[in-house]
C-alpha atoms as a PDB file:
ATOM      1  CA  MET A   1     326.044   5.139  27.263  1.00  0.00           C
ATOM      2  CA  PRO A   2     323.054   4.288  25.039  1.00  0.00           C
ATOM      3  CA  THR A   3     322.895   0.842  23.534  1.00  0.00           C
ATOM      4  CA  ALA A   4     321.679  -0.275  20.125  1.00  0.00           C
ATOM      5  CA  SER A   5     318.531  -1.691  21.704  1.00  0.00           C
ATOM      6  CA  SER A   6     317.465   1.599  23.306  1.00  0.00           C
ATOM      7  CA  SER A   7     313.816   2.581  22.990  1.00  0.00           C
ATOM      8  CA  HIS A   8     314.478   5.962  21.356  1.00  0.00           C
ATOM      9  CA  PRO A   9     312.657   6.346  18.027  1.00  0.00           C
ATOM     10  CA  THR A  10     314.862   6.360  14.950  1.00  0.00           C
ATOM     11  CA  LEU A  11     314.492   7.027  11.231  1.00  0.00           C
ATOM     12  CA  ARG A  12     316.002   4.920   8.458  1.00  0.00           C
ATOM     13  CA  ILE A  13     316.759   7.324   5.623  1.00  0.00           C
ATOM     14  CA  GLU A  14     317.882   6.294   2.127  1.00  0.00           C
ATOM     15  CA  TYR A  15     319.836   8.572  -0.223  1.00  0.00           C
ATOM     16  CA  TYR A  16     318.402   7.603  -3.603  1.00  0.00           C
ATOM     17  CA  ARG A  17     318.906  10.574  -5.949  1.00  0.00           C
ATOM     18  CA  SER A  18     322.137  12.470  -6.587  1.00  0.00           C
ATOM     19  CA  ALA A  19     322.752  16.004  -5.364  1.00  0.00           C
ATOM     20  CA  ILE A  20     324.740  16.863  -8.505  1.00  0.00           C
ATOM     21  CA  GLY A  21     323.343  20.070  -9.938  1.00  0.00           C
ATOM     22  CA  ARG A  22     321.569  20.981  -6.683  1.00  0.00           C
ATOM     23  CA  SER A  23     322.296  24.035  -4.577  1.00  0.00           C
ATOM     24  CA  TRP A  24     325.194  24.076  -2.137  1.00  0.00           C
ATOM     25  CA  ARG A  25     322.697  24.236   0.728  1.00  0.00           C
ATOM     26  CA  GLN A  26     321.098  20.970  -0.334  1.00  0.00           C
ATOM     27  CA  LYS A  27     324.521  19.360  -0.708  1.00  0.00           C
ATOM     28  CA  LEU A  28     325.401  20.436   2.834  1.00  0.00           C
ATOM     29  CA  ILE A  29     322.198  18.876   4.148  1.00  0.00           C
ATOM     30  CA  VAL A  30     323.003  15.584   2.403  1.00  0.00           C
ATOM     31  CA  ARG A  31     326.460  15.577   4.006  1.00  0.00           C
ATOM     32  CA  GLY A  32     325.027  16.657   7.353  1.00  0.00           C
ATOM     33  CA  LEU A  33     322.774  13.604   7.384  1.00  0.00           C
ATOM     34  CA  GLY A  34     325.901  11.484   6.938  1.00  0.00           C
ATOM     35  CA  PHE A  35     325.488  10.340   3.350  1.00  0.00           C
ATOM     36  CA  THR A  36     328.600   9.627   1.288  1.00  0.00           C
ATOM     37  CA  ARG A  37     327.178   7.570  -1.606  1.00  0.00           C
ATOM     38  CA  LEU A  38     323.947   6.821  -3.425  1.00  0.00           C
ATOM     39  CA  ARG A  39     321.626   4.063  -2.198  1.00  0.00           C
ATOM     40  CA  GLN A  40     323.140   4.416   1.280  1.00  0.00           C
ATOM     41  CA  VAL A  41     320.841   3.957   4.272  1.00  0.00           C
ATOM     42  CA  VAL A  42     321.584   5.709   7.568  1.00  0.00           C
ATOM     43  CA  VAL A  43     319.811   5.523  10.911  1.00  0.00           C
ATOM     44  CA  ARG A  44     319.253   8.840  12.643  1.00  0.00           C
ATOM     45  CA  PRO A  45     317.260   9.831  15.743  1.00  0.00           C
ATOM     46  CA  ASP A  46     313.683  10.868  15.075  1.00  0.00           C
ATOM     47  CA  ASN A  47     313.765  14.473  16.257  1.00  0.00           C
ATOM     48  CA  PRO A  48     312.641  17.818  14.803  1.00  0.00           C
ATOM     49  CA  GLY A  49     316.143  18.690  13.586  1.00  0.00           C
ATOM     50  CA  ILE A  50     316.528  15.558  11.471  1.00  0.00           C
ATOM     51  CA  ARG A  51     312.922  15.807  10.273  1.00  0.00           C
ATOM     52  CA  GLY A  52     313.593  19.386   9.173  1.00  0.00           C
ATOM     53  CA  MET A  53     316.690  18.352   7.224  1.00  0.00           C
ATOM     54  CA  VAL A  54     314.751  15.607   5.459  1.00  0.00           C
ATOM     55  CA  ALA A  55     311.917  18.040   4.697  1.00  0.00           C
ATOM     56  CA  LYS A  56     314.388  20.319   2.880  1.00  0.00           C
ATOM     57  CA  ILE A  57     315.495  17.563   0.467  1.00  0.00           C
ATOM     58  CA  PRO A  58     312.510  15.209  -0.013  1.00  0.00           C
ATOM     59  CA  HIS A  59     313.387  14.852  -3.707  1.00  0.00           C
ATOM     60  CA  LEU A  60     316.764  13.291  -2.796  1.00  0.00           C
ATOM     61  CA  VAL A  61     315.979  11.020   0.149  1.00  0.00           C
ATOM     62  CA  ARG A  62     313.227   8.711   1.336  1.00  0.00           C
ATOM     63  CA  ILE A  63     312.272   7.505   4.789  1.00  0.00           C
ATOM     64  CA  LEU A  64     312.162   3.723   5.062  1.00  0.00           C
ATOM     65  CA  LYS A  65     310.128   1.685   7.514  1.00  0.00           C
END
């Protein structure tokens, strides 16, 4: 079982702009990343799938350091 201190690269992603008025596809991507409210920060693995999701909604989320 992986631990919190594993060496796998991760991304900290912040949901900073609402998906109200956006397409249903973009809303599904926001939910798929695990966001439930604005200004929420989630940690996700840094892999091509997550990067692709973020690339589809760059106007709604930002990657934090």
